[in-house]
Amino acid sequence: MNPTRNLIFILGDQLSLSVSSLEGADPTQDMVLMCEVVEEATYVEHHKLKLAFIFSAMRHFADELRAKGFCVRYVRLDDRDNSGSFTTELLRAIAETSPRSIIVTEAAEWRVLSAMEDWQGLVNLPVEVRQDTRFICSTTEFKAWAKDRKALTMEYFYRDMRRKTGLLMNGDHPEGGRWNFDSQNRKPAKPDLFRPKHHVFPPDAATQEVLALVERTFPNNMGSTENFSFAVTRTDAEKAADGFIRDFLPNFGETQDAMLAEEPFLNHALLSFYINVGLLDPLALCRAAERAYFEGHAPLNAVEAFIRQIIGWREYIRGIYWLKMPGYETSNFFAASRPLPDFFWSGETDMACMSTVIKQTITHAYAHHIQRLMVVGNFSMLAGLDPYAVHRWYLEVYADAYEWVELPNVIGMSQFADGGFMASKPYAAGGAYISRMSNYCESCRYDVSQKTGEKACPFNALYWDFLARNAESLSGNHRLAQMYASWRRMSAGTQQAYRNSASAFLGKLDDGSRV
């Protein structure tokens, strides 16, 4: 074998043949380094399915690279000599392979990139940290877009990304004459025995080995690997994407905010796992959705909504993350400090909405965006849960959660812990919203129509209590003016009934009683 020219370090969420670290790579001269390390596996207590998915996808990607002729130095979690961190594994690889230089694509998370930036001084070799070109908007470009703006409104960023990519554009104008068709996408859903089924991928021998490793090494982490069904290869991820475009995209739009207890997936894509780990190219996926519209297979409201999630929200969230880190994770505008209740790890609560979403999360390591925002997130904010603890929980339990995408969604959008830097108002709602968009309330011991008292839906009193206790910091928000006007019109007795009901519920939460 020829001496190693470049040691190309590929991280577990960079599983793309087009990743920038592989540009110009020569299998006859360059070596790829990939590592499963304890430091990354344990910085939060990741769901077992999340760990198994990432490790299996990494191992299959290593095989894909070997098939292309690359020498891959792959360090497994349980290898005897595994030193436990990216940095120490890099140093060990350098000592054993003597490369002339190191090449890596910039890490997606601040703490890992911070470690990368120290490598040059540690290894005494040239270290080239390349931009991650899998994103449409670079962090530098986003900072330039954000500079001097009074408000970083996602809608205007999204329009710029539409112009940049040409997606759903008719010259200089948006296809259909509007940028956003969200008003058409807020319908509830009904159970449907004929709804297509999402692809499932039985684990192969390599994945079975990973599942055993995860169960053995992380016995106390959330979930079980028994129902593992993720795609772990590019080929299977592309099958999942094709299945979504064909079977689910036509109906994706109008029910994307809907929730059904018996159908956790509805018409959602279930592709974020594969996009975030690198198995699917986000822009190629958007172009496939766009083709479906122009070929008459899917309506504009559905296709626009799907594309907005990827080139709008996904890119925008990443920009916010790098604009605000480090320090964003400790934002706490409401000074909320209540610890997470035990039912966040069991789903054992009488609130049917919370129980359903959490138990589905335990089973699938997944919940869709409205379940995350308007059920779990809404409850967490109304109940005054510590936003940093909420952030850590989301990072642990969802298989598509990486800090760069999860943190701003939780701290900024879900918990309003940044005080409105990202969202123009808190995403707070009482039980009526959940009742309108789901069938959860039908099986709940609480009555969503009752406003106060022992049998009333807790969200009702918690909503008004949240507004009342945070009036000093929120009453000037113009988007809440109508709600504060409604609160002021209530009699003192009605206001006190809401406050008393909320206090009684929160007291039970604090003493560990079942709620």
Protein backbone atom coordinates (compact mmCIF):
# COMPACT_ATOMS: atom_id res chain seq x y z
CA MET A 1 0.00 0.00 0.00
CA ASN A 2 1.19 3.51 -0.80
CA PRO A 3 2.02 5.90 2.06
CA THR A 4 -1.03 7.85 3.27
CA ARG A 5 -1.29 11.28 1.66
CA ASN A 6 -4.44 12.60 3.36
CA LEU A 7 -6.28 11.20 6.35
CA ILE A 8 -9.93 12.09 5.68
CA PHE A 9 -11.95 12.16 8.90
CA ILE A 10 -15.66 11.55 8.26
CA LEU A 11 -18.13 12.09 11.12
CA GLY A 12 -21.29 10.08 11.75
CA ASP A 13 -23.59 12.71 10.22
CA GLN A 14 -21.45 13.16 7.10
CA LEU A 15 -22.36 9.94 5.30
CA SER A 16 -22.45 11.48 1.82
CA LEU A 17 -20.28 10.57 -1.14
CA SER A 18 -20.52 14.25 -2.07
CA VAL A 19 -19.30 15.49 1.34
CA SER A 20 -16.65 18.17 0.86
CA SER A 21 -13.93 16.21 2.67
CA LEU A 22 -14.03 13.62 -0.13
CA GLU A 23 -13.65 16.15 -2.95
CA GLY A 24 -10.49 15.33 -4.85
CA ALA A 25 -9.88 12.20 -2.77
CA ASP A 26 -7.77 9.44 -4.31
CA PRO A 27 -8.42 5.92 -3.02
CA THR A 28 -4.86 4.93 -3.90
CA GLN A 29 -3.32 7.64 -1.71
CA ASP A 30 -5.89 8.74 0.88
CA MET A 31 -7.29 6.95 3.92
CA VAL A 32 -10.70 7.51 5.53
CA LEU A 33 -11.06 7.55 9.31
CA MET A 34 -14.45 6.86 10.93
CA CYS A 35 -15.04 6.38 14.65
CA GLU A 36 -17.78 5.30 17.03
CA VAL A 37 -16.70 6.92 20.29
CA VAL A 38 -18.05 6.91 23.84
CA GLU A 39 -17.78 10.69 24.12
CA GLU A 40 -20.33 11.20 21.35
CA ALA A 41 -22.52 8.29 22.40
CA THR A 42 -22.88 9.50 25.98
CA TYR A 43 -22.84 13.32 26.04
CA VAL A 44 -26.59 12.89 26.39
CA GLU A 45 -28.45 9.61 26.96
CA HIS A 46 -29.48 9.01 23.36
CA HIS A 47 -32.46 6.82 22.51
CA LYS A 48 -31.33 3.28 21.69
CA LEU A 49 -32.84 3.51 18.21
CA LYS A 50 -30.92 6.72 17.53
CA LEU A 51 -27.60 5.15 18.51
CA ALA A 52 -28.32 2.00 16.53
CA PHE A 53 -29.37 3.95 13.45
CA ILE A 54 -26.26 6.14 13.41
CA PHE A 55 -23.78 3.33 14.12
CA SER A 56 -25.35 1.04 11.52
CA ALA A 57 -25.51 3.79 8.89
CA MET A 58 -21.84 4.58 9.59
CA ARG A 59 -20.78 0.96 9.15
CA HIS A 60 -22.71 0.61 5.92
CA PHE A 61 -21.23 3.85 4.60
CA ALA A 62 -17.75 2.55 5.41
CA ASP A 63 -18.57 -0.52 3.30
CA GLU A 64 -19.77 1.78 0.49
CA LEU A 65 -16.44 3.60 0.59
CA ARG A 66 -14.49 0.33 0.60
CA ALA A 67 -16.44 -0.76 -2.47
CA LYS A 68 -15.14 2.37 -4.17
CA GLY A 69 -11.59 1.37 -3.35
CA PHE A 70 -10.95 3.44 -0.22
CA CYS A 71 -8.96 2.14 2.71
CA VAL A 72 -11.23 2.85 5.69
CA ARG A 73 -9.87 2.83 9.21
CA TYR A 74 -13.07 2.15 11.14
CA VAL A 75 -13.06 2.20 14.94
CA ARG A 76 -15.99 0.38 16.53
CA LEU A 77 -17.37 1.37 19.90
CA ASP A 78 -16.32 -1.89 21.52
CA ASP A 79 -12.87 -2.14 19.93
CA ARG A 80 -10.34 -2.87 22.65
CA ASP A 81 -8.07 0.06 21.73
CA ASN A 82 -10.85 2.61 21.20
CA SER A 83 -9.66 5.71 23.08
CA GLY A 84 -13.14 7.23 23.39
CA SER A 85 -13.06 10.59 21.59
CA PHE A 86 -12.63 12.04 18.12
CA THR A 87 -9.47 13.88 19.10
CA THR A 88 -7.71 10.92 20.71
CA GLU A 89 -8.71 8.62 17.86
CA LEU A 90 -7.30 11.12 15.39
CA LEU A 91 -4.03 11.22 17.29
CA ARG A 92 -3.90 7.42 17.39
CA ALA A 93 -4.58 7.17 13.65
CA ILE A 94 -1.85 9.70 12.89
CA ALA A 95 0.67 7.78 15.00
CA GLU A 96 -0.16 4.52 13.21
CA THR A 97 -0.58 5.72 9.61
CA SER A 98 1.72 8.81 9.33
CA PRO A 99 -0.41 10.90 6.94
CA ARG A 100 0.90 14.13 5.47
CA SER A 101 -2.27 16.10 6.21
CA ILE A 102 -5.76 15.91 7.71
CA ILE A 103 -8.95 16.80 5.83
CA VAL A 104 -12.36 17.09 7.48
CA THR A 105 -15.69 18.74 6.72
CA GLU A 106 -16.74 21.24 9.37
CA ALA A 107 -18.75 19.70 12.18
CA ALA A 108 -22.44 20.54 12.38
CA GLU A 109 -22.34 21.05 16.16
CA TRP A 110 -20.45 23.79 17.99
CA ARG A 111 -18.75 21.60 20.58
CA VAL A 112 -17.30 19.28 17.90
CA LEU A 113 -16.18 22.13 15.65
CA SER A 114 -14.54 23.75 18.67
CA ALA A 115 -12.52 20.57 19.19
CA MET A 116 -11.62 20.48 15.48
CA GLU A 117 -10.24 23.99 15.67
CA ASP A 118 -7.72 22.76 18.26
CA TRP A 119 -6.47 19.92 16.08
CA GLN A 120 -3.94 22.01 14.14
CA GLY A 121 -1.99 22.75 17.31
CA LEU A 122 -2.22 19.17 18.55
CA VAL A 123 -1.20 17.13 15.53
CA ASN A 124 1.65 19.16 14.01
CA LEU A 125 0.22 18.51 10.56
CA PRO A 126 -1.79 20.65 8.14
CA VAL A 127 -5.48 20.37 9.05
CA GLU A 128 -7.96 21.49 6.40
CA VAL A 129 -11.47 22.07 7.73
CA ARG A 130 -13.73 22.41 4.70
CA GLN A 131 -17.13 24.08 4.46
CA ASP A 132 -20.11 21.73 4.53
CA THR A 133 -21.47 22.25 1.03
CA ARG A 134 -24.49 20.01 1.64
CA PHE A 135 -26.28 23.07 3.00
CA ILE A 136 -27.66 25.66 0.59
CA CYS A 137 -26.78 28.63 2.80
CA SER A 138 -23.34 28.80 4.39
CA THR A 139 -22.99 30.13 7.91
CA THR A 140 -21.13 33.14 6.51
CA GLU A 141 -23.94 33.83 4.05
CA PHE A 142 -26.56 33.59 6.81
CA LYS A 143 -24.65 36.02 9.03
CA ALA A 144 -24.53 38.48 6.14
CA TRP A 145 -28.29 38.03 5.59
CA ALA A 146 -29.00 38.59 9.30
CA LYS A 147 -26.75 41.63 9.72
CA ASP A 148 -28.61 44.86 10.51
CA ARG A 149 -32.07 43.23 10.33
CA LYS A 150 -34.45 44.20 13.11
CA ALA A 151 -36.16 40.82 12.93
CA LEU A 152 -34.89 37.56 11.47
CA THR A 153 -38.19 36.50 9.94
CA MET A 154 -37.92 33.02 8.45
CA GLU A 155 -40.41 33.79 5.68
CA TYR A 156 -38.09 36.37 4.09
CA PHE A 157 -35.09 34.05 4.39
CA TYR A 158 -37.14 31.30 2.76
CA ARG A 159 -38.01 33.55 -0.16
CA ASP A 160 -34.32 34.26 -0.69
CA MET A 161 -33.62 30.52 -0.70
CA ARG A 162 -36.36 30.02 -3.28
CA ARG A 163 -34.74 32.65 -5.45
CA LYS A 164 -31.29 31.14 -4.94
CA THR A 165 -32.36 27.60 -5.83
CA GLY A 166 -35.05 28.45 -8.37
CA LEU A 167 -37.39 25.98 -6.68
CA LEU A 168 -41.06 26.63 -7.49
CA MET A 169 -40.16 29.87 -9.22
CA ASN A 170 -41.76 31.29 -12.34
CA GLY A 171 -39.10 33.75 -13.38
CA ASP A 172 -38.85 36.27 -10.54
CA HIS A 173 -42.22 35.26 -9.12
CA PRO A 174 -43.31 32.32 -6.98
CA GLU A 175 -45.19 29.53 -8.70
CA GLY A 176 -48.93 29.98 -8.12
CA GLY A 177 -48.53 33.67 -7.28
CA ARG A 178 -47.87 33.08 -3.56
CA TRP A 179 -44.80 32.19 -1.54
CA ASN A 180 -46.63 30.29 1.14
CA PHE A 181 -49.74 28.08 1.11
CA ASP A 182 -49.79 27.31 4.82
CA SER A 183 -53.38 28.46 5.22
CA GLN A 184 -54.44 25.39 3.21
CA ASN A 185 -52.45 23.02 5.44
CA ARG A 186 -54.25 23.09 8.77
CA LYS A 187 -56.92 20.43 8.42
CA PRO A 188 -57.50 17.66 10.95
CA ALA A 189 -57.17 14.07 9.80
CA LYS A 190 -59.36 10.98 10.06
CA PRO A 191 -58.24 7.37 10.44
CA ASP A 192 -57.85 5.74 7.05
CA LEU A 193 -57.49 1.98 6.64
CA PHE A 194 -56.36 2.53 3.05
CA ARG A 195 -53.58 4.99 3.86
CA PRO A 196 -50.33 3.71 2.31
CA LYS A 197 -47.71 2.24 4.62
CA HIS A 198 -44.29 3.75 5.06
CA HIS A 199 -41.29 1.68 4.07
CA VAL A 200 -39.74 -0.46 6.78
CA PHE A 201 -36.31 -2.01 6.42
CA PRO A 202 -35.60 -5.23 8.36
CA PRO A 203 -32.13 -5.15 9.90
CA ASP A 204 -29.45 -7.10 8.06
CA ALA A 205 -26.66 -9.02 9.79
CA ALA A 206 -24.47 -5.94 10.21
CA THR A 207 -27.35 -4.01 11.77
CA GLN A 208 -28.24 -6.93 14.02
CA GLU A 209 -24.70 -6.78 15.37
CA VAL A 210 -25.16 -3.07 16.12
CA LEU A 211 -28.50 -3.67 17.83
CA ALA A 212 -26.89 -6.19 20.16
CA LEU A 213 -24.05 -3.75 20.87
CA VAL A 214 -26.46 -0.94 21.78
CA GLU A 215 -28.63 -3.12 24.03
CA ARG A 216 -25.52 -4.45 25.76
CA THR A 217 -23.77 -1.11 26.18
CA PHE A 218 -26.71 1.22 26.89
CA PRO A 219 -29.24 -0.93 28.76
CA ASN A 220 -30.83 2.00 30.62
CA ASN A 221 -31.30 4.38 27.69
CA MET A 222 -34.79 5.09 26.40
CA GLY A 223 -36.51 2.63 24.11
CA SER A 224 -35.74 -0.74 22.63
CA THR A 225 -34.06 -1.85 19.41
CA GLU A 226 -36.60 -4.63 18.88
CA ASN A 227 -38.66 -2.60 16.41
CA PHE A 228 -35.70 -1.19 14.44
CA SER A 229 -36.83 -0.45 10.87
CA PHE A 230 -34.68 2.45 9.63
CA ALA A 231 -32.93 2.54 6.28
CA VAL A 232 -29.19 2.40 6.90
CA THR A 233 -27.90 2.52 3.32
CA ARG A 234 -28.16 5.17 0.64
CA THR A 235 -30.07 2.77 -1.59
CA ASP A 236 -32.73 2.09 1.04
CA ALA A 237 -32.96 5.77 2.03
CA GLU A 238 -33.65 6.58 -1.60
CA LYS A 239 -36.37 3.92 -1.65
CA ALA A 240 -37.95 5.63 1.36
CA ALA A 241 -37.74 8.99 -0.43
CA ASP A 242 -39.29 7.60 -3.61
CA GLY A 243 -42.07 6.04 -1.55
CA PHE A 244 -42.84 9.37 0.13
CA ILE A 245 -42.98 11.27 -3.16
CA ARG A 246 -45.22 8.62 -4.71
CA ASP A 247 -47.52 7.68 -1.83
CA PHE A 248 -47.61 10.48 0.73
CA LEU A 249 -46.62 13.81 -0.80
CA PRO A 250 -49.98 14.33 -2.58
CA ASN A 251 -51.75 14.41 0.81
CA PHE A 252 -48.87 15.72 2.90
CA GLY A 253 -49.82 19.39 2.91
CA GLU A 254 -53.34 19.72 4.20
CA THR A 255 -52.92 17.32 7.15
CA GLN A 256 -49.32 18.09 8.09
CA ASP A 257 -50.45 19.62 11.41
CA ALA A 258 -52.93 16.85 12.23
CA MET A 259 -52.47 14.22 14.95
CA LEU A 260 -54.11 10.82 15.37
CA ALA A 261 -53.51 8.48 18.30
CA GLU A 262 -53.60 5.37 16.12
CA GLU A 263 -51.50 6.74 13.25
CA PRO A 264 -48.23 8.29 14.46
CA PHE A 265 -46.87 8.87 10.95
CA LEU A 266 -49.89 9.97 8.84
CA ASN A 267 -48.52 11.48 5.60
CA HIS A 268 -45.22 12.67 7.02
CA ALA A 269 -42.03 12.03 5.10
CA LEU A 270 -39.97 10.22 7.78
CA LEU A 271 -36.89 11.35 5.86
CA SER A 272 -35.27 13.77 8.32
CA PHE A 273 -33.20 10.92 9.78
CA TYR A 274 -31.61 10.28 6.41
CA ILE A 275 -31.18 13.92 5.43
CA ASN A 276 -29.51 14.86 8.72
CA VAL A 277 -27.14 11.89 8.66
CA GLY A 278 -26.17 12.47 5.02
CA LEU A 279 -27.81 9.55 3.23
CA LEU A 280 -30.16 11.84 1.28
CA ASP A 281 -29.32 15.11 -0.45
CA PRO A 282 -31.83 17.77 0.67
CA LEU A 283 -31.75 19.81 -2.53
CA ALA A 284 -32.17 16.70 -4.72
CA LEU A 285 -35.15 15.73 -2.57
CA CYS A 286 -36.71 19.17 -3.07
CA ARG A 287 -36.22 18.91 -6.82
CA ALA A 288 -37.92 15.51 -6.81
CA ALA A 289 -40.90 17.03 -4.98
CA GLU A 290 -40.96 19.93 -7.44
CA ARG A 291 -41.05 17.46 -10.35
CA ALA A 292 -44.03 15.76 -8.73
CA TYR A 293 -45.88 19.08 -8.82
CA PHE A 294 -45.01 19.94 -12.41
CA GLU A 295 -45.92 16.42 -13.54
CA GLY A 296 -49.33 16.74 -11.87
CA HIS A 297 -48.72 14.13 -9.20
CA ALA A 298 -48.91 16.40 -6.13
CA PRO A 299 -50.67 19.73 -5.45
CA LEU A 300 -48.77 22.96 -4.98
CA ASN A 301 -49.76 23.45 -1.34
CA ALA A 302 -48.21 20.08 -0.42
CA VAL A 303 -45.04 20.51 -2.43
CA GLU A 304 -44.47 24.08 -1.27
CA ALA A 305 -44.93 23.04 2.36
CA PHE A 306 -42.44 20.20 2.03
CA ILE A 307 -39.85 22.37 0.27
CA ARG A 308 -40.32 25.11 2.87
CA GLN A 309 -39.49 22.69 5.67
CA ILE A 310 -36.16 21.87 4.02
CA ILE A 311 -34.82 25.03 2.36
CA GLY A 312 -36.75 27.32 4.70
CA TRP A 313 -36.87 25.98 8.25
CA ARG A 314 -33.93 23.57 8.11
CA GLU A 315 -31.52 26.10 6.65
CA TYR A 316 -32.85 28.95 8.78
CA ILE A 317 -32.54 26.95 11.99
CA ARG A 318 -28.94 26.10 11.18
CA GLY A 319 -28.20 29.76 10.56
CA ILE A 320 -29.71 30.76 13.90
CA TYR A 321 -27.69 28.08 15.68
CA TRP A 322 -24.34 29.31 14.38
CA LEU A 323 -25.34 32.93 14.85
CA LYS A 324 -26.12 32.43 18.55
CA MET A 325 -23.70 29.74 19.71
CA PRO A 326 -22.12 29.33 22.15
CA GLY A 327 -24.41 30.31 25.00
CA TYR A 328 -27.77 29.98 23.25
CA GLU A 329 -28.48 26.71 25.03
CA THR A 330 -28.71 28.43 28.44
CA SER A 331 -31.24 31.07 27.35
CA ASN A 332 -34.10 31.25 29.87
CA PHE A 333 -36.31 34.27 29.24
CA PHE A 334 -39.03 33.18 31.68
CA ALA A 335 -36.54 32.00 34.35
CA ALA A 336 -38.30 28.63 34.25
CA SER A 337 -36.77 26.04 36.56
CA ARG A 338 -39.22 23.17 37.11
CA PRO A 339 -37.58 19.76 36.46
CA LEU A 340 -39.03 17.42 33.86
CA PRO A 341 -41.71 15.12 35.31
CA ASP A 342 -40.97 11.39 35.42
CA PHE A 343 -43.64 10.72 32.78
CA PHE A 344 -41.35 12.25 30.14
CA TRP A 345 -39.52 8.90 30.25
CA SER A 346 -42.52 6.62 30.63
CA GLY A 347 -45.56 8.31 29.11
CA GLU A 348 -47.49 7.39 32.25
CA THR A 349 -49.81 10.37 32.58
CA ASP A 350 -53.58 10.81 32.40
CA MET A 351 -53.16 13.56 29.79
CA ALA A 352 -53.91 11.52 26.67
CA CYS A 353 -52.08 13.87 24.32
CA MET A 354 -48.86 13.79 26.33
CA SER A 355 -49.12 10.06 26.99
CA THR A 356 -49.68 9.25 23.32
CA VAL A 357 -46.86 11.40 21.98
CA ILE A 358 -44.32 10.31 24.60
CA LYS A 359 -45.15 6.61 24.25
CA GLN A 360 -44.87 6.89 20.47
CA THR A 361 -41.53 8.63 20.97
CA ILE A 362 -40.35 5.80 23.22
CA THR A 363 -41.37 3.27 20.57
CA HIS A 364 -40.22 5.03 17.41
CA ALA A 365 -37.69 7.71 18.47
CA TYR A 366 -39.90 9.99 16.41
CA ALA A 367 -42.75 12.48 16.68
CA HIS A 368 -43.75 14.93 13.98
CA HIS A 369 -43.31 18.67 14.26
CA ILE A 370 -46.73 19.56 15.70
CA GLN A 371 -46.49 16.83 18.32
CA ARG A 372 -43.08 18.20 19.31
CA LEU A 373 -44.15 21.86 19.24
CA MET A 374 -47.81 22.02 20.27
CA VAL A 375 -48.07 19.04 22.60
CA VAL A 376 -44.78 18.35 24.40
CA GLY A 377 -43.26 21.78 23.79
CA ASN A 378 -46.45 23.65 24.60
CA PHE A 379 -46.90 21.73 27.84
CA SER A 380 -43.26 22.28 28.82
CA MET A 381 -43.51 26.04 28.39
CA LEU A 382 -46.91 26.39 30.06
CA ALA A 383 -45.74 24.30 33.03
CA GLY A 384 -42.54 26.31 33.42
CA LEU A 385 -40.14 23.42 32.80
CA ASP A 386 -36.44 24.25 32.68
CA PRO A 387 -35.77 24.96 28.98
CA TYR A 388 -32.24 23.54 29.12
CA ALA A 389 -33.64 20.26 30.48
CA VAL A 390 -36.31 20.29 27.77
CA HIS A 391 -33.61 20.84 25.14
CA ARG A 392 -31.57 17.91 26.48
CA TRP A 393 -34.65 15.66 26.42
CA TYR A 394 -35.43 16.47 22.78
CA LEU A 395 -31.79 15.87 21.85
CA GLU A 396 -31.86 12.48 23.55
CA VAL A 397 -35.13 11.03 22.35
CA TYR A 398 -35.46 11.80 18.63
CA ALA A 399 -33.42 9.87 16.09
CA ASP A 400 -33.16 12.91 13.80
CA ALA A 401 -32.04 15.27 16.60
CA TYR A 402 -28.65 16.95 16.31
CA GLU A 403 -27.92 20.00 18.39
CA TRP A 404 -27.71 22.39 15.43
CA VAL A 405 -31.29 21.64 14.38
CA GLU A 406 -32.86 20.69 17.71
CA LEU A 407 -31.54 23.50 19.93
CA PRO A 408 -33.01 26.54 18.12
CA ASN A 409 -36.29 24.69 17.55
CA VAL A 410 -36.61 24.03 21.29
CA ILE A 411 -34.97 27.06 22.89
CA GLY A 412 -36.21 29.59 20.36
CA MET A 413 -39.43 28.32 18.85
CA SER A 414 -40.87 25.83 21.33
CA GLN A 415 -39.89 27.39 24.68
CA PHE A 416 -39.50 31.09 23.69
CA ALA A 417 -36.50 30.95 26.01
CA ASP A 418 -34.57 33.43 23.86
CA GLY A 419 -37.20 36.09 24.54
CA GLY A 420 -38.33 36.40 20.94
CA PHE A 421 -35.04 36.49 19.07
CA MET A 422 -36.36 33.79 16.77
CA ALA A 423 -40.15 33.59 17.21
CA SER A 424 -42.45 36.60 17.23
CA LYS A 425 -44.63 35.12 19.99
CA PRO A 426 -44.70 32.09 22.27
CA TYR A 427 -46.31 29.02 20.71
CA ALA A 428 -48.79 28.64 23.57
CA ALA A 429 -52.24 27.14 23.31
CA GLY A 430 -54.97 25.67 25.49
CA GLY A 431 -56.68 22.35 25.05
CA ALA A 432 -58.96 23.57 22.26
CA TYR A 433 -56.09 23.59 19.74
CA ILE A 434 -55.14 20.00 20.56
CA SER A 435 -58.79 18.94 20.40
CA ARG A 436 -59.22 20.59 17.01
CA MET A 437 -56.10 19.06 15.46
CA SER A 438 -56.23 15.57 16.99
CA ASN A 439 -58.42 12.82 18.39
CA TYR A 440 -56.41 12.60 21.61
CA CYS A 441 -59.08 14.27 23.74
CA GLU A 442 -61.65 11.55 22.93
CA SER A 443 -59.87 9.05 25.18
CA CYS A 444 -58.67 11.46 27.88
CA ARG A 445 -59.85 11.39 31.49
CA TYR A 446 -59.73 15.18 31.44
CA ASP A 447 -62.53 17.14 29.76
CA VAL A 448 -61.24 19.64 27.22
CA SER A 449 -64.53 21.57 27.39
CA GLN A 450 -64.10 22.27 31.11
CA LYS A 451 -61.94 25.28 31.86
CA THR A 452 -61.12 24.84 35.54
CA GLY A 453 -61.37 22.23 38.23
CA GLU A 454 -60.13 18.70 38.83
CA LYS A 455 -61.67 17.26 35.65
CA ALA A 456 -60.72 20.13 33.33
CA CYS A 457 -58.04 19.75 30.68
CA PRO A 458 -54.82 20.99 32.37
CA PHE A 459 -53.80 22.91 29.25
CA ASN A 460 -56.75 25.28 29.73
CA ALA A 461 -55.76 26.63 33.15
CA LEU A 462 -52.02 26.36 32.42
CA TYR A 463 -52.46 28.57 29.35
CA TRP A 464 -54.04 31.47 31.22
CA ASP A 465 -51.73 31.00 34.20
CA PHE A 466 -48.74 31.19 31.86
CA LEU A 467 -49.97 34.49 30.41
CA ALA A 468 -50.78 35.89 33.86
CA ARG A 469 -47.49 35.03 35.53
CA ASN A 470 -45.50 36.34 32.55
CA ALA A 471 -47.61 39.44 31.93
CA GLU A 472 -44.78 41.84 32.71
CA SER A 473 -42.56 40.39 30.00
CA LEU A 474 -45.24 39.47 27.43
CA SER A 475 -48.07 42.01 27.63
CA GLY A 476 -46.22 44.34 25.25
CA ASN A 477 -46.11 41.66 22.53
CA HIS A 478 -48.52 42.88 19.87
CA ARG A 479 -49.37 39.33 18.79
CA LEU A 480 -50.69 38.61 22.29
CA ALA A 481 -52.66 41.83 22.66
CA GLN A 482 -56.01 40.15 21.99
CA MET A 483 -55.35 37.39 24.54
CA TYR A 484 -54.34 39.86 27.25
CA ALA A 485 -57.41 41.92 26.47
CA SER A 486 -59.51 38.76 26.98
CA TRP A 487 -57.75 38.09 30.28
CA ARG A 488 -58.45 41.63 31.51
CA ARG A 489 -62.14 41.27 30.64
CA MET A 490 -62.50 38.21 32.86
CA SER A 491 -63.90 38.70 36.33
CA ALA A 492 -61.51 38.49 39.25
CA GLY A 493 -63.21 35.25 40.25
CA THR A 494 -62.69 33.65 36.85
CA GLN A 495 -59.06 34.72 36.79
CA GLN A 496 -58.52 33.29 40.28
CA ALA A 497 -60.19 30.01 39.29
CA TYR A 498 -57.72 29.60 36.43
CA ARG A 499 -54.77 30.44 38.70
CA ASN A 500 -56.00 28.06 41.41
CA SER A 501 -56.51 25.20 38.95
CA ALA A 502 -53.06 25.71 37.47
CA SER A 503 -51.50 25.89 40.95
CA ALA A 504 -53.19 22.66 42.02
CA PHE A 505 -51.99 20.85 38.90
CA LEU A 506 -48.42 22.16 39.21
CA GLY A 507 -48.40 21.19 42.88
CA LYS A 508 -49.14 17.61 41.89
CA LEU A 509 -46.43 17.80 39.25
CA ASP A 510 -43.94 18.97 41.87
CA ASP A 511 -44.74 16.29 44.43
CA GLY A 512 -44.66 13.47 41.88
CA SER A 513 -48.36 12.68 41.95
CA ARG A 514 -49.88 11.22 38.82
CA VAL A 515 -51.41 13.89 36.63
